[in-house]
């Protein structure tokens, strides 16, 4: 099987079984509004941002590495992220994609100069809903984004995932509330609040949702 076939499989294959007759998820919008961009190549990032704005999307970023992308995602809560797969730090786009999907249920489209099968397979396991190979034109972006958004909403509607998905959605709500509680209490400013929650999560070995609810109960 060719690499292009691998990418097409990732872009087209379902992530979960067929939907039940009782959908459990309703997207707040038919189209994503805010899209986070992360790419450590300034020219590539600028090109993506210009194309996205021309297509009518609100752009967040660019983030210069995976860790920066995660922080921006937690602080701004975008609808989707476009991430370069390989960035020049320990936390790359695939690491960021996994964190965003696991903690925020945020769909990611990978934009990469690399298209080897191993990387595509890793992307498929990281909550990635689309994969584009650089250079990416404006004409390629909109359909890729819309297909990824549709696949994400289809995934979210699966009854088989209901319990886990609802827990993630509740976690996301509590994390956002806890972030502002830390700001209001003067424990951290707005830019540091998410970092503080993530620090407490790492130190305690608990999930961000658990840490957030502890903050809310204090």
C-alpha atoms as a PDB file:
ATOM      1  CA  UNK A   1       0.000   0.000   0.000  1.00  0.00           C
ATOM      2  CA  UNK A   2       1.382   3.418  -0.897  1.00  0.00           C
ATOM      3  CA  UNK A   3       1.914   6.297   1.489  1.00  0.00           C
ATOM      4  CA  UNK A   4      -0.758   8.327  -0.274  1.00  0.00           C
ATOM      5  CA  UNK A   5      -3.194   5.488   0.257  1.00  0.00           C
ATOM      6  CA  UNK A   6      -2.244   5.498   3.937  1.00  0.00           C
ATOM      7  CA  UNK A   7      -3.013   9.203   4.218  1.00  0.00           C
ATOM      8  CA  UNK A   8      -6.292   8.748   2.369  1.00  0.00           C
ATOM      9  CA  UNK A   9      -7.217   5.988   4.828  1.00  0.00           C
ATOM     10  CA  UNK A  10      -6.562   8.329   7.746  1.00  0.00           C
ATOM     11  CA  UNK A  11      -8.590  11.113   6.131  1.00  0.00           C
ATOM     12  CA  UNK A  12     -11.509   8.860   5.209  1.00  0.00           C
ATOM     13  CA  UNK A  13     -11.778   5.946   7.628  1.00  0.00           C
ATOM     14  CA  UNK A  14     -14.185   6.122  10.603  1.00  0.00           C
ATOM     15  CA  UNK A  15     -12.780   6.227  14.116  1.00  0.00           C
ATOM     16  CA  UNK A  16     -15.678   4.402  15.705  1.00  0.00           C
ATOM     17  CA  UNK A  17     -18.548   2.031  14.825  1.00  0.00           C
ATOM     18  CA  UNK A  18     -21.667   3.191  13.030  1.00  0.00           C
ATOM     19  CA  UNK A  19     -23.785   5.724  14.931  1.00  0.00           C
ATOM     20  CA  UNK A  20     -26.726   4.643  17.025  1.00  0.00           C
ATOM     21  CA  UNK A  21     -30.269   5.767  16.343  1.00  0.00           C
ATOM     22  CA  UNK A  22     -30.018   8.217  19.250  1.00  0.00           C
ATOM     23  CA  UNK A  23     -27.223  10.703  18.599  1.00  0.00           C
ATOM     24  CA  UNK A  24     -25.583  11.981  21.752  1.00  0.00           C
ATOM     25  CA  UNK A  25     -23.605  14.902  20.395  1.00  0.00           C
ATOM     26  CA  UNK A  26     -24.651  18.103  18.736  1.00  0.00           C
ATOM     27  CA  UNK A  27     -21.896  20.389  17.531  1.00  0.00           C
ATOM     28  CA  UNK A  28     -22.281  24.050  18.435  1.00  0.00           C
ATOM     29  CA  UNK A  29     -21.646  24.863  14.774  1.00  0.00           C
ATOM     30  CA  UNK A  30     -21.736  23.236  11.369  1.00  0.00           C
ATOM     31  CA  UNK A  31     -18.260  24.618  10.728  1.00  0.00           C
ATOM     32  CA  UNK A  32     -15.259  25.301  12.955  1.00  0.00           C
ATOM     33  CA  UNK A  33     -14.749  28.972  13.778  1.00  0.00           C
ATOM     34  CA  UNK A  34     -11.478  29.281  15.697  1.00  0.00           C
ATOM     35  CA  UNK A  35      -8.497  27.296  14.441  1.00  0.00           C
ATOM     36  CA  UNK A  36      -5.167  27.071  16.247  1.00  0.00           C
ATOM     37  CA  UNK A  37      -2.016  26.911  14.104  1.00  0.00           C
ATOM     38  CA  UNK A  38       1.315  25.476  15.269  1.00  0.00           C
ATOM     39  CA  UNK A  39       4.403  25.351  13.057  1.00  0.00           C
ATOM     40  CA  UNK A  40       8.006  26.149  13.930  1.00  0.00           C
ATOM     41  CA  UNK A  41       8.714  27.294  10.355  1.00  0.00           C
ATOM     42  CA  UNK A  42       7.687  30.939  10.202  1.00  0.00           C
ATOM     43  CA  UNK A  43       7.016  31.019   6.456  1.00  0.00           C
ATOM     44  CA  UNK A  44       4.888  27.892   6.585  1.00  0.00           C
ATOM     45  CA  UNK A  45       2.953  29.222   9.582  1.00  0.00           C
ATOM     46  CA  UNK A  46       2.388  32.580   7.878  1.00  0.00           C
ATOM     47  CA  UNK A  47       1.116  30.885   4.724  1.00  0.00           C
ATOM     48  CA  UNK A  48      -1.348  28.766   6.704  1.00  0.00           C
ATOM     49  CA  UNK A  49      -2.597  31.754   8.666  1.00  0.00           C
ATOM     50  CA  UNK A  50      -3.142  33.876   5.549  1.00  0.00           C
ATOM     51  CA  UNK A  51      -5.002  31.055   3.822  1.00  0.00           C
ATOM     52  CA  UNK A  52      -7.194  30.357   6.855  1.00  0.00           C
ATOM     53  CA  UNK A  53      -8.098  34.015   7.261  1.00  0.00           C
ATOM     54  CA  UNK A  54      -8.897  34.265   3.563  1.00  0.00           C
ATOM     55  CA  UNK A  55     -11.263  31.332   4.033  1.00  0.00           C
ATOM     56  CA  UNK A  56     -13.032  33.145   6.872  1.00  0.00           C
ATOM     57  CA  UNK A  57     -11.630  31.332   9.901  1.00  0.00           C
ATOM     58  CA  UNK A  58     -10.427  33.031  13.081  1.00  0.00           C
ATOM     59  CA  UNK A  59      -6.801  32.054  13.651  1.00  0.00           C
ATOM     60  CA  UNK A  60      -5.088  31.482  17.002  1.00  0.00           C
ATOM     61  CA  UNK A  61      -1.297  31.464  17.040  1.00  0.00           C
ATOM     62  CA  UNK A  62       0.997  30.554  15.537  1.00  0.00           C
ATOM     63  CA  UNK A  63       2.426  28.381  18.291  1.00  0.00           C
ATOM     64  CA  UNK A  64       6.131  27.690  17.818  1.00  0.00           C
ATOM     65  CA  UNK A  65       6.206  24.180  19.318  1.00  0.00           C
ATOM     66  CA  UNK A  66       3.977  21.478  20.740  1.00  0.00           C
ATOM     67  CA  UNK A  67       4.063  22.710  24.328  1.00  0.00           C
ATOM     68  CA  UNK A  68       3.156  26.238  23.249  1.00  0.00           C
ATOM     69  CA  UNK A  69       0.317  24.796  21.161  1.00  0.00           C
ATOM     70  CA  UNK A  70      -1.051  22.886  24.168  1.00  0.00           C
ATOM     71  CA  UNK A  71      -0.951  26.006  26.338  1.00  0.00           C
ATOM     72  CA  UNK A  72      -2.749  28.039  23.662  1.00  0.00           C
ATOM     73  CA  UNK A  73      -5.370  25.314  23.257  1.00  0.00           C
ATOM     74  CA  UNK A  74      -6.145  25.271  26.990  1.00  0.00           C
ATOM     75  CA  UNK A  75      -6.220  29.046  27.302  1.00  0.00           C
ATOM     76  CA  UNK A  76      -8.262  29.855  24.170  1.00  0.00           C
ATOM     77  CA  UNK A  77     -10.324  26.666  23.586  1.00  0.00           C
ATOM     78  CA  UNK A  78     -10.326  26.682  19.774  1.00  0.00           C
ATOM     79  CA  UNK A  79     -12.603  24.487  17.682  1.00  0.00           C
ATOM     80  CA  UNK A  80      -9.769  22.755  15.840  1.00  0.00           C
ATOM     81  CA  UNK A  81      -5.978  22.746  15.515  1.00  0.00           C
ATOM     82  CA  UNK A  82      -3.660  22.534  12.513  1.00  0.00           C
ATOM     83  CA  UNK A  83      -0.332  21.203  13.740  1.00  0.00           C
ATOM     84  CA  UNK A  84       3.005  20.542  12.108  1.00  0.00           C
ATOM     85  CA  UNK A  85       3.931  16.959  12.977  1.00  0.00           C
ATOM     86  CA  UNK A  86       7.618  17.525  13.686  1.00  0.00           C
ATOM     87  CA  UNK A  87       8.744  20.594  15.553  1.00  0.00           C
ATOM     88  CA  UNK A  88      12.121  21.313  17.083  1.00  0.00           C
ATOM     89  CA  UNK A  89      11.308  20.469  20.712  1.00  0.00           C
ATOM     90  CA  UNK A  90      10.581  17.335  22.722  1.00  0.00           C
ATOM     91  CA  UNK A  91       6.835  17.992  22.456  1.00  0.00           C
ATOM     92  CA  UNK A  92       5.969  17.842  18.763  1.00  0.00           C
ATOM     93  CA  UNK A  93       2.686  18.144  16.905  1.00  0.00           C
ATOM     94  CA  UNK A  94       1.715  14.511  17.412  1.00  0.00           C
ATOM     95  CA  UNK A  95       2.297  14.778  21.169  1.00  0.00           C
ATOM     96  CA  UNK A  96       0.235  17.964  21.208  1.00  0.00           C
ATOM     97  CA  UNK A  97      -2.527  16.334  19.164  1.00  0.00           C
ATOM     98  CA  UNK A  98      -2.808  13.508  21.671  1.00  0.00           C
ATOM     99  CA  UNK A  99      -2.941  15.905  24.633  1.00  0.00           C
ATOM    100  CA  UNK A 100      -5.534  18.135  22.963  1.00  0.00           C
ATOM    101  CA  UNK A 101      -7.781  15.226  22.062  1.00  0.00           C
ATOM    102  CA  UNK A 102      -7.459  13.387  25.379  1.00  0.00           C
ATOM    103  CA  UNK A 103      -7.961  16.434  27.614  1.00  0.00           C
ATOM    104  CA  UNK A 104     -10.068  18.797  25.483  1.00  0.00           C
ATOM    105  CA  UNK A 105     -11.671  16.553  22.841  1.00  0.00           C
ATOM    106  CA  UNK A 106     -10.160  18.903  20.281  1.00  0.00           C
ATOM    107  CA  UNK A 107      -9.882  17.626  16.678  1.00  0.00           C
ATOM    108  CA  UNK A 108      -6.520  18.024  14.940  1.00  0.00           C
ATOM    109  CA  UNK A 109      -5.407  18.108  11.325  1.00  0.00           C
ATOM    110  CA  UNK A 110      -1.710  17.379  10.855  1.00  0.00           C
ATOM    111  CA  UNK A 111       0.149  19.470   8.263  1.00  0.00           C
ATOM    112  CA  UNK A 112       3.542  17.945   7.567  1.00  0.00           C
ATOM    113  CA  UNK A 113       6.353  17.760   5.061  1.00  0.00           C
ATOM    114  CA  UNK A 114       6.665  14.076   5.941  1.00  0.00           C
ATOM    115  CA  UNK A 115       4.324  11.402   4.669  1.00  0.00           C
ATOM    116  CA  UNK A 116       5.934   8.110   5.664  1.00  0.00           C
ATOM    117  CA  UNK A 117       3.546   5.366   6.700  1.00  0.00           C
ATOM    118  CA  UNK A 118       4.887   5.143  10.252  1.00  0.00           C
ATOM    119  CA  UNK A 119       4.108   8.783  10.947  1.00  0.00           C
ATOM    120  CA  UNK A 120       0.652   8.473   9.420  1.00  0.00           C
ATOM    121  CA  UNK A 121      -0.029   5.469  11.663  1.00  0.00           C
ATOM    122  CA  UNK A 122       1.132   7.389  14.735  1.00  0.00           C
ATOM    123  CA  UNK A 123      -1.116  10.285  13.745  1.00  0.00           C
ATOM    124  CA  UNK A 124      -4.088   7.940  13.455  1.00  0.00           C
ATOM    125  CA  UNK A 125      -3.568   6.905  17.081  1.00  0.00           C
ATOM    126  CA  UNK A 126      -3.255  10.469  18.371  1.00  0.00           C
ATOM    127  CA  UNK A 127      -6.781  11.745  17.776  1.00  0.00           C
ATOM    128  CA  UNK A 128      -5.936  13.143  14.334  1.00  0.00           C
ATOM    129  CA  UNK A 129      -8.866  13.579  11.961  1.00  0.00           C
ATOM    130  CA  UNK A 130      -6.978  14.683   8.859  1.00  0.00           C
ATOM    131  CA  UNK A 131      -3.497  14.774   7.343  1.00  0.00           C
ATOM    132  CA  UNK A 132      -2.134  17.207   4.748  1.00  0.00           C
ATOM    133  CA  UNK A 133       1.285  17.097   3.096  1.00  0.00           C
ATOM    134  CA  UNK A 134       3.114  20.391   2.599  1.00  0.00           C
ATOM    135  CA  UNK A 135       3.001  22.612   0.692  1.00  0.00           C
ATOM    136  CA  UNK A 136      -0.707  23.132   1.347  1.00  0.00           C
ATOM    137  CA  UNK A 137      -2.780  25.421  -0.865  1.00  0.00           C
ATOM    138  CA  UNK A 138      -5.821  27.412   0.198  1.00  0.00           C
ATOM    139  CA  UNK A 139      -7.900  25.211  -2.108  1.00  0.00           C
ATOM    140  CA  UNK A 140      -6.818  22.118  -0.166  1.00  0.00           C
ATOM    141  CA  UNK A 141      -7.431  23.600   3.261  1.00  0.00           C
ATOM    142  CA  UNK A 142     -11.182  24.139   3.274  1.00  0.00           C
ATOM    143  CA  UNK A 143     -12.206  20.608   2.218  1.00  0.00           C
ATOM    144  CA  UNK A 144      -9.640  19.080   4.570  1.00  0.00           C
ATOM    145  CA  UNK A 145     -10.958  21.146   7.477  1.00  0.00           C
ATOM    146  CA  UNK A 146     -14.603  20.509   6.680  1.00  0.00           C
ATOM    147  CA  UNK A 147     -14.082  16.753   6.292  1.00  0.00           C
ATOM    148  CA  UNK A 148     -12.115  16.604   9.551  1.00  0.00           C
ATOM    149  CA  UNK A 149     -14.843  18.587  11.327  1.00  0.00           C
ATOM    150  CA  UNK A 150     -17.543  16.297   9.977  1.00  0.00           C
ATOM    151  CA  UNK A 151     -15.583  13.199  11.028  1.00  0.00           C
ATOM    152  CA  UNK A 152     -15.019  14.660  14.481  1.00  0.00           C
ATOM    153  CA  UNK A 153     -18.724  15.341  14.968  1.00  0.00           C
ATOM    154  CA  UNK A 154     -19.572  11.884  13.680  1.00  0.00           C
ATOM    155  CA  UNK A 155     -17.141  10.392  16.157  1.00  0.00           C
ATOM    156  CA  UNK A 156     -18.581  12.442  18.990  1.00  0.00           C
ATOM    157  CA  UNK A 157     -22.087  11.187  18.240  1.00  0.00           C
ATOM    158  CA  UNK A 158     -21.281   7.526  18.784  1.00  0.00           C
ATOM    159  CA  UNK A 159     -23.308   6.074  21.637  1.00  0.00           C
ATOM    160  CA  UNK A 160     -20.603   3.499  22.308  1.00  0.00           C
ATOM    161  CA  UNK A 161     -18.329   6.346  23.421  1.00  0.00           C
ATOM    162  CA  UNK A 162     -20.982   8.260  25.336  1.00  0.00           C
ATOM    163  CA  UNK A 163     -19.774   7.778  28.894  1.00  0.00           C
ATOM    164  CA  UNK A 164     -16.162   8.670  28.074  1.00  0.00           C
ATOM    165  CA  UNK A 165     -17.128  11.604  25.881  1.00  0.00           C
ATOM    166  CA  UNK A 166     -19.459  13.121  28.443  1.00  0.00           C
ATOM    167  CA  UNK A 167     -16.736  12.818  31.067  1.00  0.00           C
ATOM    168  CA  UNK A 168     -14.313  14.618  28.771  1.00  0.00           C
ATOM    169  CA  UNK A 169     -16.841  17.360  28.080  1.00  0.00           C
ATOM    170  CA  UNK A 170     -17.470  17.805  31.799  1.00  0.00           C
ATOM    171  CA  UNK A 171     -13.724  17.886  32.407  1.00  0.00           C
ATOM    172  CA  UNK A 172     -13.304  20.579  29.767  1.00  0.00           C
ATOM    173  CA  UNK A 173     -16.018  22.694  31.390  1.00  0.00           C
ATOM    174  CA  UNK A 174     -14.522  22.259  34.878  1.00  0.00           C
ATOM    175  CA  UNK A 175     -10.984  22.972  33.622  1.00  0.00           C
ATOM    176  CA  UNK A 176     -12.111  26.248  32.092  1.00  0.00           C
ATOM    177  CA  UNK A 177     -13.968  27.240  35.280  1.00  0.00           C
ATOM    178  CA  UNK A 178     -10.989  26.308  37.485  1.00  0.00           C
ATOM    179  CA  UNK A 179      -8.680  28.367  35.291  1.00  0.00           C
ATOM    180  CA  UNK A 180     -10.719  31.498  36.018  1.00  0.00           C
ATOM    181  CA  UNK A 181     -10.986  30.641  39.714  1.00  0.00           C
ATOM    182  CA  UNK A 182      -7.171  30.676  39.945  1.00  0.00           C
ATOM    183  CA  UNK A 183      -7.120  34.041  38.196  1.00  0.00           C
ATOM    184  CA  UNK A 184      -9.812  35.506  40.463  1.00  0.00           C
ATOM    185  CA  UNK A 185      -8.008  34.268  43.589  1.00  0.00           C
ATOM    186  CA  UNK A 186      -4.772  35.870  42.437  1.00  0.00           C
ATOM    187  CA  UNK A 187      -2.951  32.523  42.387  1.00  0.00           C
ATOM    188  CA  UNK A 188      -2.012  32.923  38.726  1.00  0.00           C
ATOM    189  CA  UNK A 189      -2.616  35.391  35.948  1.00  0.00           C
ATOM    190  CA  UNK A 190      -4.615  34.413  32.865  1.00  0.00           C
ATOM    191  CA  UNK A 191      -1.584  33.284  30.871  1.00  0.00           C
ATOM    192  CA  UNK A 192      -0.254  31.142  33.746  1.00  0.00           C
ATOM    193  CA  UNK A 193      -3.476  29.591  35.052  1.00  0.00           C
ATOM    194  CA  UNK A 194      -3.559  26.632  32.680  1.00  0.00           C
ATOM    195  CA  UNK A 195       0.116  26.009  33.219  1.00  0.00           C
ATOM    196  CA  UNK A 196      -0.525  25.874  36.973  1.00  0.00           C
ATOM    197  CA  UNK A 197      -3.363  23.369  36.528  1.00  0.00           C
ATOM    198  CA  UNK A 198      -1.200  21.181  34.314  1.00  0.00           C
ATOM    199  CA  UNK A 199       1.672  21.412  36.842  1.00  0.00           C
ATOM    200  CA  UNK A 200      -0.615  20.233  39.637  1.00  0.00           C
ATOM    201  CA  UNK A 201      -1.815  17.401  37.435  1.00  0.00           C
ATOM    202  CA  UNK A 202       1.722  16.211  36.707  1.00  0.00           C
ATOM    203  CA  UNK A 203       2.843  16.491  40.335  1.00  0.00           C
ATOM    204  CA  UNK A 204      -0.182  14.659  41.733  1.00  0.00           C
ATOM    205  CA  UNK A 205      -0.517  12.098  38.959  1.00  0.00           C
ATOM    206  CA  UNK A 206      -4.195  12.943  38.617  1.00  0.00           C
ATOM    207  CA  UNK A 207      -6.154  14.021  35.559  1.00  0.00           C
ATOM    208  CA  UNK A 208      -6.703  17.673  34.768  1.00  0.00           C
ATOM    209  CA  UNK A 209     -10.407  17.211  35.401  1.00  0.00           C
ATOM    210  CA  UNK A 210      -9.777  15.916  38.931  1.00  0.00           C
ATOM    211  CA  UNK A 211      -7.378  18.774  39.651  1.00  0.00           C
ATOM    212  CA  UNK A 212      -9.878  21.293  38.306  1.00  0.00           C
ATOM    213  CA  UNK A 213     -12.701  19.970  40.505  1.00  0.00           C
ATOM    214  CA  UNK A 214     -10.427  20.139  43.542  1.00  0.00           C
ATOM    215  CA  UNK A 215      -9.813  23.825  42.776  1.00  0.00           C
ATOM    216  CA  UNK A 216     -13.545  24.430  42.407  1.00  0.00           C
ATOM    217  CA  UNK A 217     -14.271  22.748  45.754  1.00  0.00           C
ATOM    218  CA  UNK A 218     -11.645  24.703  47.737  1.00  0.00           C
END
